[in-house]
Amino acid sequence: MRVTVCQLPDVPEEFEAAWKNLCEGAAGSDLVVLPEFPFYPWVAWTHHFDQTVWDESVLAHERWMDRLDELGAGTVVGSAPMGHNVRRNRAFTWSEGDVEYGHEKYYLPEEPGFWEASWYRRGDGSFERSSVHGHSAGFLLCTELWFTDRAREYARQGVRLLLTPRVTELQTADKWIIGGQAAAIMSGAFSLSSNRSGSNNGVDFGGRGWVIDPNGNVLAITDDDNPVITMGIDPAGADGAKSTYPRYVEE
């Protein structure tokens, strides 16, 4: 299975060129992982909720769903703002022109640059596996990565892919990679993540999309020189990992 992870700029003037580069790098990929809310500048940089900005972000993401075929990939995943009154951050899976929305982000930060609880409501707390390009997968949207009991829950569900669209900052970039390794180990699954990059509205985004194997080995990390990485993995390798330490230990 060929998978693609990336880092995409927050500044709109830089996005189209980055998108073209992503299309070139992802062509023929089975699965592309996009960042959290990828198609509009990050809204939660400010504590002040703006209904107009939120509605524009929702509409932008709806429009971009019609362009996902430009990637030339079998399946594309990410998360998008949903709803105008009851607002949510929902994971999406695009395949052959059809879009399915699923898991809603549950753990919401509330701090400078990431005032998410002020912008949308948490989901219902359901962390159910889904099917992504024929493989069982679980979403941990950004902050959810740090709740390793959820990764363990996905291990019990037998997921092969742990998908983490995120928006994280530069100063914590190394810490997030450690979080991805821990989640991969706890779930016994391949951890795949993409992030924003560059700076906008006073926030320095960290980039560093990653591919991490079920034993926590980092297989690839994006950077400014290599913002798109496509590589082959064997998702079935996650099945055997479930029977090894620490996954087999009973709770």
C-alpha atoms as a PDB file:
ATOM      1  CA  MET A   1       0.000   0.000   0.000  1.00  0.00           C
ATOM      2  CA  ARG A   2       1.353   3.408  -0.977  1.00  0.00           C
ATOM      3  CA  VAL A   3       0.635   6.162   1.543  1.00  0.00           C
ATOM      4  CA  THR A   4       1.259   9.900   1.384  1.00  0.00           C
ATOM      5  CA  VAL A   5       1.774  12.336   4.256  1.00  0.00           C
ATOM      6  CA  CYS A   6       2.426  16.041   3.890  1.00  0.00           C
ATOM      7  CA  GLN A   7       2.746  19.503   5.361  1.00  0.00           C
ATOM      8  CA  LEU A   8       0.694  22.306   3.834  1.00  0.00           C
ATOM      9  CA  PRO A   9       1.001  26.083   4.371  1.00  0.00           C
ATOM     10  CA  ASP A  10      -1.580  28.106   6.265  1.00  0.00           C
ATOM     11  CA  VAL A  11      -1.068  31.231   4.128  1.00  0.00           C
ATOM     12  CA  PRO A  12      -3.628  31.162   1.269  1.00  0.00           C
ATOM     13  CA  GLU A  13      -1.234  32.741  -1.256  1.00  0.00           C
ATOM     14  CA  GLU A  14       1.113  29.780  -0.835  1.00  0.00           C
ATOM     15  CA  PHE A  15      -1.491  27.052  -0.861  1.00  0.00           C
ATOM     16  CA  GLU A  16      -2.106  26.529  -4.586  1.00  0.00           C
ATOM     17  CA  ALA A  17       1.587  25.960  -5.329  1.00  0.00           C
ATOM     18  CA  ALA A  18       1.820  23.549  -2.402  1.00  0.00           C
ATOM     19  CA  TRP A  19      -1.300  21.758  -3.608  1.00  0.00           C
ATOM     20  CA  LYS A  20       0.201  21.311  -7.066  1.00  0.00           C
ATOM     21  CA  ASN A  21       3.314  19.838  -5.477  1.00  0.00           C
ATOM     22  CA  LEU A  22       1.163  17.502  -3.388  1.00  0.00           C
ATOM     23  CA  CYS A  23      -0.736  16.360  -6.485  1.00  0.00           C
ATOM     24  CA  GLU A  24       2.540  15.500  -8.172  1.00  0.00           C
ATOM     25  CA  GLY A  25       3.881  13.647  -5.152  1.00  0.00           C
ATOM     26  CA  ALA A  26       0.667  11.787  -4.324  1.00  0.00           C
ATOM     27  CA  ALA A  27      -0.218  10.595  -7.837  1.00  0.00           C
ATOM     28  CA  GLY A  28      -0.915   6.874  -7.711  1.00  0.00           C
ATOM     29  CA  SER A  29      -0.981   6.773  -3.915  1.00  0.00           C
ATOM     30  CA  ASP A  30      -3.547   4.517  -2.259  1.00  0.00           C
ATOM     31  CA  LEU A  31      -4.020   6.820   0.719  1.00  0.00           C
ATOM     32  CA  VAL A  32      -3.318  10.536   1.252  1.00  0.00           C
ATOM     33  CA  VAL A  33      -3.510  12.017   4.740  1.00  0.00           C
ATOM     34  CA  LEU A  34      -4.255  15.764   4.861  1.00  0.00           C
ATOM     35  CA  PRO A  35      -3.873  18.104   7.860  1.00  0.00           C
ATOM     36  CA  GLU A  36      -6.714  19.159  10.131  1.00  0.00           C
ATOM     37  CA  PHE A  37      -8.984  21.782   8.449  1.00  0.00           C
ATOM     38  CA  PRO A  38      -6.567  21.974   5.472  1.00  0.00           C
ATOM     39  CA  PHE A  39      -8.516  24.172   3.039  1.00  0.00           C
ATOM     40  CA  TYR A  40      -8.822  27.460   4.927  1.00  0.00           C
ATOM     41  CA  PRO A  41      -6.522  29.441   7.215  1.00  0.00           C
ATOM     42  CA  TRP A  42      -6.588  28.116  10.768  1.00  0.00           C
ATOM     43  CA  VAL A  43      -9.603  29.702  12.441  1.00  0.00           C
ATOM     44  CA  ALA A  44      -8.857  28.953  16.110  1.00  0.00           C
ATOM     45  CA  TRP A  45      -5.782  31.168  16.353  1.00  0.00           C
ATOM     46  CA  THR A  46      -7.987  33.751  18.079  1.00  0.00           C
ATOM     47  CA  HIS A  47     -10.173  33.402  21.163  1.00  0.00           C
ATOM     48  CA  HIS A  48     -12.855  35.526  19.487  1.00  0.00           C
ATOM     49  CA  PHE A  49     -15.333  33.344  17.617  1.00  0.00           C
ATOM     50  CA  ASP A  50     -16.433  34.800  14.289  1.00  0.00           C
ATOM     51  CA  GLN A  51     -19.479  33.206  12.676  1.00  0.00           C
ATOM     52  CA  THR A  52     -18.630  34.650   9.264  1.00  0.00           C
ATOM     53  CA  VAL A  53     -15.120  33.206   9.324  1.00  0.00           C
ATOM     54  CA  TRP A  54     -16.451  29.830  10.462  1.00  0.00           C
ATOM     55  CA  ASP A  55     -19.064  29.754   7.700  1.00  0.00           C
ATOM     56  CA  GLU A  56     -16.433  30.675   5.106  1.00  0.00           C
ATOM     57  CA  SER A  57     -14.229  27.818   6.320  1.00  0.00           C
ATOM     58  CA  VAL A  58     -17.122  25.346   6.113  1.00  0.00           C
ATOM     59  CA  LEU A  59     -17.935  26.432   2.558  1.00  0.00           C
ATOM     60  CA  ALA A  60     -14.284  26.345   1.494  1.00  0.00           C
ATOM     61  CA  HIS A  61     -13.958  22.759   2.667  1.00  0.00           C
ATOM     62  CA  GLU A  62     -17.163  21.781   0.901  1.00  0.00           C
ATOM     63  CA  ARG A  63     -15.847  23.268  -2.356  1.00  0.00           C
ATOM     64  CA  TRP A  64     -12.487  21.547  -2.036  1.00  0.00           C
ATOM     65  CA  MET A  65     -14.098  18.122  -1.734  1.00  0.00           C
ATOM     66  CA  ASP A  66     -14.792  18.435  -5.459  1.00  0.00           C
ATOM     67  CA  ARG A  67     -11.066  18.873  -6.116  1.00  0.00           C
ATOM     68  CA  LEU A  68      -9.743  15.876  -4.214  1.00  0.00           C
ATOM     69  CA  ASP A  69      -9.674  13.819  -7.396  1.00  0.00           C
ATOM     70  CA  GLU A  70      -6.807  16.088  -8.529  1.00  0.00           C
ATOM     71  CA  LEU A  71      -4.571  14.149  -6.143  1.00  0.00           C
ATOM     72  CA  GLY A  72      -4.854  11.035  -8.289  1.00  0.00           C
ATOM     73  CA  ALA A  73      -5.142   8.897  -5.168  1.00  0.00           C
ATOM     74  CA  GLY A  74      -7.478   6.091  -4.195  1.00  0.00           C
ATOM     75  CA  THR A  75      -8.479   7.499  -0.815  1.00  0.00           C
ATOM     76  CA  VAL A  76      -8.008  10.848   0.924  1.00  0.00           C
ATOM     77  CA  VAL A  77      -8.579  11.517   4.627  1.00  0.00           C
ATOM     78  CA  GLY A  78      -8.527  14.608   6.804  1.00  0.00           C
ATOM     79  CA  SER A  79     -10.895  16.619   8.955  1.00  0.00           C
ATOM     80  CA  ALA A  80     -13.254  19.481   8.168  1.00  0.00           C
ATOM     81  CA  PRO A  81     -15.408  22.053   9.962  1.00  0.00           C
ATOM     82  CA  MET A  82     -19.054  21.004   9.910  1.00  0.00           C
ATOM     83  CA  GLY A  83     -22.313  22.769  10.767  1.00  0.00           C
ATOM     84  CA  HIS A  84     -23.220  26.430  11.160  1.00  0.00           C
ATOM     85  CA  ASN A  85     -25.030  26.421  14.503  1.00  0.00           C
ATOM     86  CA  VAL A  86     -23.935  23.166  16.127  1.00  0.00           C
ATOM     87  CA  ARG A  87     -20.312  23.234  15.053  1.00  0.00           C
ATOM     88  CA  ARG A  88     -18.028  20.193  14.913  1.00  0.00           C
ATOM     89  CA  ASN A  89     -14.596  19.062  13.718  1.00  0.00           C
ATOM     90  CA  ARG A  90     -15.282  15.866  11.782  1.00  0.00           C
ATOM     91  CA  ALA A  91     -13.013  13.353  10.107  1.00  0.00           C
ATOM     92  CA  PHE A  92     -13.706  12.684   6.437  1.00  0.00           C
ATOM     93  CA  THR A  93     -12.836   9.897   4.044  1.00  0.00           C
ATOM     94  CA  TRP A  94     -12.969  10.597   0.306  1.00  0.00           C
ATOM     95  CA  SER A  95     -12.890   7.771  -2.236  1.00  0.00           C
ATOM     96  CA  GLU A  96     -13.750   7.918  -5.938  1.00  0.00           C
ATOM     97  CA  GLY A  97     -15.749  11.104  -5.561  1.00  0.00           C
ATOM     98  CA  ASP A  98     -17.742  10.019  -2.522  1.00  0.00           C
ATOM     99  CA  VAL A  99     -17.183  11.627   0.874  1.00  0.00           C
ATOM    100  CA  GLU A 100     -18.076  10.038   4.203  1.00  0.00           C
ATOM    101  CA  TYR A 101     -17.917  11.941   7.480  1.00  0.00           C
ATOM    102  CA  GLY A 102     -17.288  10.085  10.699  1.00  0.00           C
ATOM    103  CA  HIS A 103     -15.461  10.591  13.971  1.00  0.00           C
ATOM    104  CA  GLU A 104     -15.918  13.980  15.653  1.00  0.00           C
ATOM    105  CA  LYS A 105     -13.034  15.489  17.595  1.00  0.00           C
ATOM    106  CA  TYR A 106     -13.610  15.057  21.313  1.00  0.00           C
ATOM    107  CA  TYR A 107     -10.603  16.531  23.128  1.00  0.00           C
ATOM    108  CA  LEU A 108     -10.405  20.273  22.487  1.00  0.00           C
ATOM    109  CA  PRO A 109      -7.537  22.550  23.595  1.00  0.00           C
ATOM    110  CA  GLU A 110      -8.207  26.097  24.758  1.00  0.00           C
ATOM    111  CA  GLU A 111      -5.041  28.198  24.766  1.00  0.00           C
ATOM    112  CA  PRO A 112      -3.295  30.896  22.698  1.00  0.00           C
ATOM    113  CA  GLY A 113      -3.235  29.912  19.031  1.00  0.00           C
ATOM    114  CA  PHE A 114      -5.543  26.961  19.624  1.00  0.00           C
ATOM    115  CA  TRP A 115      -8.844  28.224  21.036  1.00  0.00           C
ATOM    116  CA  GLU A 116     -10.748  25.241  19.713  1.00  0.00           C
ATOM    117  CA  ALA A 117     -13.321  24.916  22.487  1.00  0.00           C
ATOM    118  CA  SER A 118     -14.389  28.480  21.652  1.00  0.00           C
ATOM    119  CA  TRP A 119     -14.899  27.619  17.996  1.00  0.00           C
ATOM    120  CA  TYR A 120     -16.683  24.270  17.999  1.00  0.00           C
ATOM    121  CA  ARG A 121     -18.171  21.658  20.288  1.00  0.00           C
ATOM    122  CA  ARG A 122     -16.683  18.322  21.186  1.00  0.00           C
ATOM    123  CA  GLY A 123     -18.093  15.155  19.634  1.00  0.00           C
ATOM    124  CA  ASP A 124     -19.912  12.351  21.404  1.00  0.00           C
ATOM    125  CA  GLY A 125     -16.741  10.561  22.511  1.00  0.00           C
ATOM    126  CA  SER A 126     -17.165   7.647  20.129  1.00  0.00           C
ATOM    127  CA  PHE A 127     -13.901   6.204  18.795  1.00  0.00           C
ATOM    128  CA  GLU A 128     -15.084   3.564  16.358  1.00  0.00           C
ATOM    129  CA  ARG A 129     -12.945   2.094  13.615  1.00  0.00           C
ATOM    130  CA  SER A 130     -13.762   2.702   9.979  1.00  0.00           C
ATOM    131  CA  SER A 131     -12.667   1.244   6.659  1.00  0.00           C
ATOM    132  CA  VAL A 132     -10.034   3.170   4.696  1.00  0.00           C
ATOM    133  CA  HIS A 133      -8.959   1.771   1.334  1.00  0.00           C
ATOM    134  CA  GLY A 134      -9.949  -1.709   2.469  1.00  0.00           C
ATOM    135  CA  HIS A 135      -8.128  -1.564   5.800  1.00  0.00           C
ATOM    136  CA  SER A 136      -9.462  -0.969   9.300  1.00  0.00           C
ATOM    137  CA  ALA A 137      -8.501   2.470  10.554  1.00  0.00           C
ATOM    138  CA  GLY A 138      -9.014   4.744  13.511  1.00  0.00           C
ATOM    139  CA  PHE A 139      -8.914   8.542  13.693  1.00  0.00           C
ATOM    140  CA  LEU A 140      -7.161  10.459  16.435  1.00  0.00           C
ATOM    141  CA  LEU A 141      -7.589  14.108  15.486  1.00  0.00           C
ATOM    142  CA  CYS A 142      -4.624  16.152  16.693  1.00  0.00           C
ATOM    143  CA  THR A 143      -4.919  16.501  20.518  1.00  0.00           C
ATOM    144  CA  GLU A 144      -6.626  13.107  20.693  1.00  0.00           C
ATOM    145  CA  LEU A 145      -3.237  11.543  19.961  1.00  0.00           C
ATOM    146  CA  TRP A 146      -2.195  12.195  23.567  1.00  0.00           C
ATOM    147  CA  PHE A 147      -4.978  10.095  25.050  1.00  0.00           C
ATOM    148  CA  THR A 148      -3.259   6.742  24.709  1.00  0.00           C
ATOM    149  CA  ASP A 149      -6.243   4.870  26.137  1.00  0.00           C
ATOM    150  CA  ARG A 150      -7.954   5.690  22.842  1.00  0.00           C
ATOM    151  CA  ALA A 151      -5.051   4.203  20.897  1.00  0.00           C
ATOM    152  CA  ARG A 152      -5.340   1.112  23.097  1.00  0.00           C
ATOM    153  CA  GLU A 153      -9.068   1.020  22.376  1.00  0.00           C
ATOM    154  CA  TYR A 154      -8.328   1.017  18.658  1.00  0.00           C
ATOM    155  CA  ALA A 155      -5.878  -1.846  19.223  1.00  0.00           C
ATOM    156  CA  ARG A 156      -8.740  -3.916  20.647  1.00  0.00           C
ATOM    157  CA  GLN A 157     -10.731  -3.071  17.518  1.00  0.00           C
ATOM    158  CA  GLY A 158      -7.898  -4.422  15.387  1.00  0.00           C
ATOM    159  CA  VAL A 159      -7.090  -1.264  13.423  1.00  0.00           C
ATOM    160  CA  ARG A 160      -4.155  -1.324  11.034  1.00  0.00           C
ATOM    161  CA  LEU A 161      -3.956   2.429  10.413  1.00  0.00           C
ATOM    162  CA  LEU A 162      -4.040   5.220  12.976  1.00  0.00           C
ATOM    163  CA  LEU A 163      -4.801   8.495  11.193  1.00  0.00           C
ATOM    164  CA  THR A 164      -3.940  11.873  12.737  1.00  0.00           C
ATOM    165  CA  PRO A 165      -4.710  15.035  10.750  1.00  0.00           C
ATOM    166  CA  ARG A 166      -3.371  17.835  12.929  1.00  0.00           C
ATOM    167  CA  VAL A 167      -2.547  21.516  13.415  1.00  0.00           C
ATOM    168  CA  THR A 168       0.443  21.746  15.761  1.00  0.00           C
ATOM    169  CA  GLU A 169       3.084  24.369  16.382  1.00  0.00           C
ATOM    170  CA  LEU A 170       6.799  24.441  15.676  1.00  0.00           C
ATOM    171  CA  GLN A 171       8.008  24.678  19.267  1.00  0.00           C
ATOM    172  CA  THR A 172       6.422  21.312  20.149  1.00  0.00           C
ATOM    173  CA  ALA A 173       7.291  19.495  16.901  1.00  0.00           C
ATOM    174  CA  ASP A 174       9.666  16.971  18.478  1.00  0.00           C
ATOM    175  CA  LYS A 175       7.199  16.197  21.256  1.00  0.00           C
ATOM    176  CA  TRP A 176       4.484  15.404  18.716  1.00  0.00           C
ATOM    177  CA  ILE A 177       6.670  12.853  16.977  1.00  0.00           C
ATOM    178  CA  ILE A 178       7.150  11.132  20.334  1.00  0.00           C
ATOM    179  CA  GLY A 179       3.373  11.165  20.740  1.00  0.00           C
ATOM    180  CA  GLY A 180       2.993   9.527  17.343  1.00  0.00           C
ATOM    181  CA  GLN A 181       5.459   6.834  18.315  1.00  0.00           C
ATOM    182  CA  ALA A 182       3.636   6.147  21.581  1.00  0.00           C
ATOM    183  CA  ALA A 183       0.267   5.948  19.836  1.00  0.00           C
ATOM    184  CA  ALA A 184       1.649   3.557  17.221  1.00  0.00           C
ATOM    185  CA  ILE A 185       3.057   1.306  19.938  1.00  0.00           C
ATOM    186  CA  MET A 186      -0.119   1.379  22.028  1.00  0.00           C
ATOM    187  CA  SER A 187      -2.364   0.652  19.043  1.00  0.00           C
ATOM    188  CA  GLY A 188      -0.056  -1.748  17.237  1.00  0.00           C
ATOM    189  CA  ALA A 189      -0.885   0.183  14.065  1.00  0.00           C
ATOM    190  CA  PHE A 190       0.852   2.379  11.506  1.00  0.00           C
ATOM    191  CA  SER A 191       0.607   6.002  12.611  1.00  0.00           C
ATOM    192  CA  LEU A 192       0.133   8.426   9.711  1.00  0.00           C
ATOM    193  CA  SER A 193      -0.059  12.179  10.261  1.00  0.00           C
ATOM    194  CA  SER A 194       0.016  15.436   8.293  1.00  0.00           C
ATOM    195  CA  ASN A 195       0.275  18.997   9.587  1.00  0.00           C
ATOM    196  CA  ARG A 196       0.249  22.674   8.694  1.00  0.00           C
ATOM    197  CA  SER A 197       3.503  24.531   8.069  1.00  0.00           C
ATOM    198  CA  GLY A 198       4.791  28.106   7.920  1.00  0.00           C
ATOM    199  CA  SER A 199       3.518  31.053   9.957  1.00  0.00           C
ATOM    200  CA  ASN A 200       0.289  33.001   9.986  1.00  0.00           C
ATOM    201  CA  ASN A 201      -1.620  35.148  12.488  1.00  0.00           C
ATOM    202  CA  GLY A 202       1.174  34.864  15.018  1.00  0.00           C
ATOM    203  CA  VAL A 203       1.269  31.058  15.027  1.00  0.00           C
ATOM    204  CA  ASP A 204       4.339  29.126  13.838  1.00  0.00           C
ATOM    205  CA  PHE A 205       3.119  25.783  12.541  1.00  0.00           C
ATOM    206  CA  GLY A 206       5.359  22.762  12.917  1.00  0.00           C
ATOM    207  CA  GLY A 207       5.037  20.740   9.714  1.00  0.00           C
ATOM    208  CA  ARG A 208       6.601  17.287  10.109  1.00  0.00           C
ATOM    209  CA  GLY A 209       4.070  14.866   8.743  1.00  0.00           C
ATOM    210  CA  TRP A 210       5.099  11.326   9.596  1.00  0.00           C
ATOM    211  CA  VAL A 211       4.868   7.624   8.896  1.00  0.00           C
ATOM    212  CA  ILE A 212       5.572   5.482  11.979  1.00  0.00           C
ATOM    213  CA  ASP A 213       5.380   1.682  12.094  1.00  0.00           C
ATOM    214  CA  PRO A 214       3.487  -0.354  14.741  1.00  0.00           C
ATOM    215  CA  ASN A 215       6.643  -0.710  16.855  1.00  0.00           C
ATOM    216  CA  GLY A 216       7.229   3.041  17.006  1.00  0.00           C
ATOM    217  CA  ASN A 217       9.960   3.218  14.377  1.00  0.00           C
ATOM    218  CA  VAL A 218       9.871   6.472  12.413  1.00  0.00           C
ATOM    219  CA  LEU A 219       9.893   5.587   8.726  1.00  0.00           C
ATOM    220  CA  ALA A 220       9.561   9.093   7.274  1.00  0.00           C
ATOM    221  CA  ILE A 221       9.119  12.719   8.332  1.00  0.00           C
ATOM    222  CA  THR A 222       8.324  15.661   6.063  1.00  0.00           C
ATOM    223  CA  ASP A 223      10.254  18.934   6.230  1.00  0.00           C
ATOM    224  CA  ASP A 224      10.471  22.205   4.307  1.00  0.00           C
ATOM    225  CA  ASP A 225      12.630  20.594   1.606  1.00  0.00           C
ATOM    226  CA  ASN A 226      10.436  17.498   1.392  1.00  0.00           C
ATOM    227  CA  PRO A 227       6.880  18.604   2.205  1.00  0.00           C
ATOM    228  CA  VAL A 228       5.353  15.522   0.573  1.00  0.00           C
ATOM    229  CA  ILE A 229       6.412  11.938   1.208  1.00  0.00           C
ATOM    230  CA  THR A 230       4.914   8.900  -0.512  1.00  0.00           C
ATOM    231  CA  MET A 231       6.114   5.450   0.494  1.00  0.00           C
ATOM    232  CA  GLY A 232       5.028   1.825   0.677  1.00  0.00           C
ATOM    233  CA  ILE A 233       3.861   0.093   3.845  1.00  0.00           C
ATOM    234  CA  ASP A 234       2.298  -3.308   4.541  1.00  0.00           C
ATOM    235  CA  PRO A 235      -0.752  -2.672   6.729  1.00  0.00           C
ATOM    236  CA  ALA A 236      -1.062  -6.402   7.433  1.00  0.00           C
ATOM    237  CA  GLY A 237       2.102  -6.052   9.497  1.00  0.00           C
ATOM    238  CA  ALA A 238      -0.059  -4.412  12.147  1.00  0.00           C
ATOM    239  CA  ASP A 239      -1.961  -7.662  12.710  1.00  0.00           C
ATOM    240  CA  GLY A 240       1.012  -9.484  14.155  1.00  0.00           C
ATOM    241  CA  ALA A 241       1.954  -6.500  16.277  1.00  0.00           C
ATOM    242  CA  LYS A 242      -1.281  -6.882  18.251  1.00  0.00           C
ATOM    243  CA  SER A 243       0.018 -10.108  19.819  1.00  0.00           C
ATOM    244  CA  THR A 244       3.309  -8.612  21.006  1.00  0.00           C
ATOM    245  CA  TYR A 245       4.214  -6.530  24.042  1.00  0.00           C
ATOM    246  CA  PRO A 246       2.621  -4.343  25.309  1.00  0.00           C
ATOM    247  CA  ARG A 247      -0.516  -4.896  23.218  1.00  0.00           C
ATOM    248  CA  TYR A 248      -1.286  -8.403  24.474  1.00  0.00           C
ATOM    249  CA  VAL A 249      -1.215  -7.423  28.173  1.00  0.00           C
ATOM    250  CA  GLU A 250      -4.732  -7.547  29.637  1.00  0.00           C
ATOM    251  CA  GLU A 251      -6.125  -4.462  31.298  1.00  0.00           C
END
